[in-house]
Amino acid sequence: MKRKNAVLVTEDDLLTDLAFHNVSPSLLIEFSEKVVRPHYGGSITAAIQDLFQKALSSQEPLLVHMPPV
């Protein structure tokens, strides 16, 4: 008889690096100057994490009303 081992996964286990392709230097510079530097202390990682969270939280009411697939 085979034993099944429980595997606990934490958020830290799921951290990943992202690569962005086909983003123009001018767009990245403008984003850094207008958003990252003044609002996130220059941390592009913090800016992206916060923007992801804001995008998801703005979608929550829509997700509640969507039927399961």
N, C-alpha and C. Protein backbone atom coordinates (compact mmCIF):
# COMPACT_ATOMS: atom_id res chain seq x y z
N MET A 1 0.84 -1.17 0.00
CA MET A 1 0.00 0.00 0.00
C MET A 1 0.89 1.24 0.00
N LYS A 2 0.60 2.17 -0.89
CA LYS A 2 1.39 3.39 -0.99
C LYS A 2 0.87 4.42 0.00
N ARG A 3 1.79 5.11 0.64
CA ARG A 3 1.42 6.18 1.55
C ARG A 3 1.44 7.50 0.79
N LYS A 4 0.50 8.34 1.07
CA LYS A 4 0.49 9.67 0.49
C LYS A 4 1.04 10.65 1.51
N ASN A 5 1.99 11.43 1.11
CA ASN A 5 2.57 12.44 1.98
C ASN A 5 1.92 13.78 1.68
N ALA A 6 1.51 14.46 2.71
CA ALA A 6 0.94 15.80 2.54
C ALA A 6 2.08 16.78 2.28
N VAL A 7 1.87 17.65 1.31
CA VAL A 7 2.86 18.68 1.00
C VAL A 7 2.21 20.03 1.25
N LEU A 8 2.82 20.78 2.14
CA LEU A 8 2.31 22.11 2.43
C LEU A 8 3.07 23.12 1.58
N VAL A 9 2.33 23.96 0.90
CA VAL A 9 2.93 24.97 0.04
C VAL A 9 2.61 26.33 0.63
N THR A 10 3.61 27.15 0.76
CA THR A 10 3.41 28.50 1.26
C THR A 10 3.60 29.49 0.11
N GLU A 11 3.21 30.73 0.34
CA GLU A 11 3.39 31.75 -0.68
C GLU A 11 4.86 31.91 -1.05
N ASP A 12 5.74 31.77 -0.06
CA ASP A 12 7.17 31.90 -0.34
C ASP A 12 7.65 30.83 -1.31
N ASP A 13 7.01 29.67 -1.31
CA ASP A 13 7.37 28.61 -2.25
C ASP A 13 7.00 28.97 -3.69
N LEU A 14 6.09 29.91 -3.84
CA LEU A 14 5.57 30.25 -5.17
C LEU A 14 6.14 31.54 -5.74
N LEU A 15 7.09 32.17 -5.04
CA LEU A 15 7.68 33.39 -5.56
C LEU A 15 8.35 33.11 -6.89
N THR A 16 8.23 34.06 -7.80
CA THR A 16 8.79 33.87 -9.13
C THR A 16 9.37 35.18 -9.64
N ASP A 17 10.24 35.09 -10.60
CA ASP A 17 10.78 36.25 -11.29
C ASP A 17 9.99 36.41 -12.58
N LEU A 18 9.78 37.65 -12.97
CA LEU A 18 9.05 37.93 -14.20
C LEU A 18 9.97 38.58 -15.22
N ALA A 19 9.74 38.28 -16.46
CA ALA A 19 10.45 38.94 -17.55
C ALA A 19 9.40 39.59 -18.44
N PHE A 20 9.63 40.82 -18.79
CA PHE A 20 8.72 41.52 -19.69
C PHE A 20 9.39 41.66 -21.04
N HIS A 21 8.66 41.33 -22.08
CA HIS A 21 9.20 41.39 -23.43
C HIS A 21 8.47 42.47 -24.21
N ASN A 22 9.17 43.07 -25.13
CA ASN A 22 8.62 44.08 -26.03
C ASN A 22 8.04 45.28 -25.30
N VAL A 23 8.70 45.69 -24.22
CA VAL A 23 8.34 46.92 -23.52
C VAL A 23 9.38 47.95 -23.91
N SER A 24 8.92 49.05 -24.47
CA SER A 24 9.87 50.04 -24.96
C SER A 24 10.59 50.73 -23.79
N PRO A 25 11.83 51.09 -24.00
CA PRO A 25 12.57 51.80 -22.96
C PRO A 25 11.87 53.08 -22.53
N SER A 26 11.28 53.79 -23.49
CA SER A 26 10.62 55.05 -23.15
C SER A 26 9.41 54.81 -22.24
N LEU A 27 8.68 53.71 -22.46
CA LEU A 27 7.53 53.40 -21.60
C LEU A 27 8.01 53.05 -20.19
N LEU A 28 9.06 52.27 -20.10
CA LEU A 28 9.62 51.90 -18.80
C LEU A 28 10.15 53.12 -18.05
N ILE A 29 10.84 54.00 -18.75
CA ILE A 29 11.36 55.22 -18.13
C ILE A 29 10.22 56.10 -17.64
N GLU A 30 9.20 56.29 -18.46
CA GLU A 30 8.06 57.12 -18.06
C GLU A 30 7.32 56.52 -16.87
N PHE A 31 7.13 55.20 -16.88
CA PHE A 31 6.48 54.52 -15.75
C PHE A 31 7.31 54.71 -14.49
N SER A 32 8.62 54.57 -14.60
CA SER A 32 9.50 54.73 -13.44
C SER A 32 9.46 56.15 -12.90
N GLU A 33 9.48 57.13 -13.79
CA GLU A 33 9.48 58.53 -13.36
C GLU A 33 8.15 58.98 -12.78
N LYS A 34 7.04 58.56 -13.40
CA LYS A 34 5.73 59.08 -13.00
C LYS A 34 5.02 58.24 -11.95
N VAL A 35 5.34 56.96 -11.86
CA VAL A 35 4.63 56.08 -10.93
C VAL A 35 5.55 55.51 -9.86
N VAL A 36 6.62 54.87 -10.29
CA VAL A 36 7.48 54.13 -9.36
C VAL A 36 8.21 55.06 -8.40
N ARG A 37 8.90 56.04 -8.91
CA ARG A 37 9.71 56.91 -8.05
C ARG A 37 8.85 57.68 -7.04
N PRO A 38 7.79 58.37 -7.45
CA PRO A 38 7.05 59.16 -6.46
C PRO A 38 6.15 58.35 -5.52
N HIS A 39 5.64 57.22 -5.98
CA HIS A 39 4.65 56.50 -5.18
C HIS A 39 5.19 55.24 -4.50
N TYR A 40 6.30 54.71 -4.98
CA TYR A 40 6.81 53.44 -4.46
C TYR A 40 8.28 53.52 -4.06
N GLY A 41 8.78 54.72 -3.84
CA GLY A 41 10.15 54.89 -3.38
C GLY A 41 11.19 54.32 -4.33
N GLY A 42 10.85 54.21 -5.60
CA GLY A 42 11.79 53.71 -6.59
C GLY A 42 11.80 52.21 -6.75
N SER A 43 10.96 51.49 -6.02
CA SER A 43 10.93 50.03 -6.12
C SER A 43 9.91 49.57 -7.16
N ILE A 44 10.41 49.16 -8.31
CA ILE A 44 9.50 48.70 -9.36
C ILE A 44 8.78 47.42 -8.94
N THR A 45 9.43 46.59 -8.12
CA THR A 45 8.79 45.37 -7.62
C THR A 45 7.58 45.72 -6.77
N ALA A 46 7.74 46.67 -5.86
CA ALA A 46 6.62 47.09 -5.01
C ALA A 46 5.49 47.68 -5.85
N ALA A 47 5.85 48.44 -6.88
CA ALA A 47 4.84 49.04 -7.75
C ALA A 47 4.04 47.98 -8.48
N ILE A 48 4.72 46.99 -9.04
CA ILE A 48 4.03 45.94 -9.79
C ILE A 48 3.16 45.10 -8.86
N GLN A 49 3.67 44.76 -7.68
CA GLN A 49 2.87 43.99 -6.72
C GLN A 49 1.61 44.75 -6.33
N ASP A 50 1.75 46.04 -6.04
CA ASP A 50 0.59 46.84 -5.64
C ASP A 50 -0.41 46.97 -6.78
N LEU A 51 0.07 47.19 -7.98
CA LEU A 51 -0.83 47.32 -9.13
C LEU A 51 -1.55 46.00 -9.43
N PHE A 52 -0.86 44.87 -9.26
CA PHE A 52 -1.52 43.56 -9.41
C PHE A 52 -2.64 43.42 -8.38
N GLN A 53 -2.34 43.76 -7.12
CA GLN A 53 -3.34 43.64 -6.05
C GLN A 53 -4.53 44.56 -6.31
N LYS A 54 -4.27 45.78 -6.75
CA LYS A 54 -5.36 46.71 -7.05
C LYS A 54 -6.21 46.21 -8.21
N ALA A 55 -5.58 45.66 -9.22
CA ALA A 55 -6.33 45.13 -10.36
C ALA A 55 -7.21 43.96 -9.93
N LEU A 56 -6.69 43.09 -9.09
CA LEU A 56 -7.47 41.95 -8.62
C LEU A 56 -8.61 42.39 -7.71
N SER A 57 -8.36 43.33 -6.82
CA SER A 57 -9.41 43.77 -5.89
C SER A 57 -10.53 44.49 -6.65
N SER A 58 -10.20 45.16 -7.74
CA SER A 58 -11.25 45.83 -8.51
C SER A 58 -12.09 44.82 -9.29
N GLN A 59 -11.60 43.60 -9.47
CA GLN A 59 -12.33 42.56 -10.19
C GLN A 59 -13.16 41.67 -9.28
N GLU A 60 -12.96 41.74 -7.97
CA GLU A 60 -13.66 40.83 -7.06
C GLU A 60 -15.18 40.85 -7.22
N PRO A 61 -15.83 42.01 -7.32
CA PRO A 61 -17.29 41.96 -7.50
C PRO A 61 -17.70 41.21 -8.77
N LEU A 62 -16.91 41.32 -9.82
CA LEU A 62 -17.23 40.61 -11.06
C LEU A 62 -17.06 39.11 -10.89
N LEU A 63 -16.02 38.71 -10.17
CA LEU A 63 -15.76 37.28 -9.99
C LEU A 63 -16.84 36.61 -9.16
N VAL A 64 -17.42 37.33 -8.23
CA VAL A 64 -18.47 36.76 -7.38
C VAL A 64 -19.70 36.38 -8.20
N HIS A 65 -19.98 37.16 -9.24
CA HIS A 65 -21.18 36.95 -10.05
C HIS A 65 -20.95 36.05 -11.25
N MET A 66 -19.74 35.61 -11.46
CA MET A 66 -19.47 34.73 -12.60
C MET A 66 -19.79 33.28 -12.23
N PRO A 67 -20.47 32.57 -13.12
CA PRO A 67 -20.73 31.16 -12.84
C PRO A 67 -19.45 30.35 -12.92
N PRO A 68 -19.33 29.29 -12.12
CA PRO A 68 -18.13 28.46 -12.19
C PRO A 68 -18.02 27.77 -13.55
N VAL A 69 -16.81 27.55 -13.97
CA VAL A 69 -16.56 26.93 -15.27
C VAL A 69 -16.49 25.43 -15.12
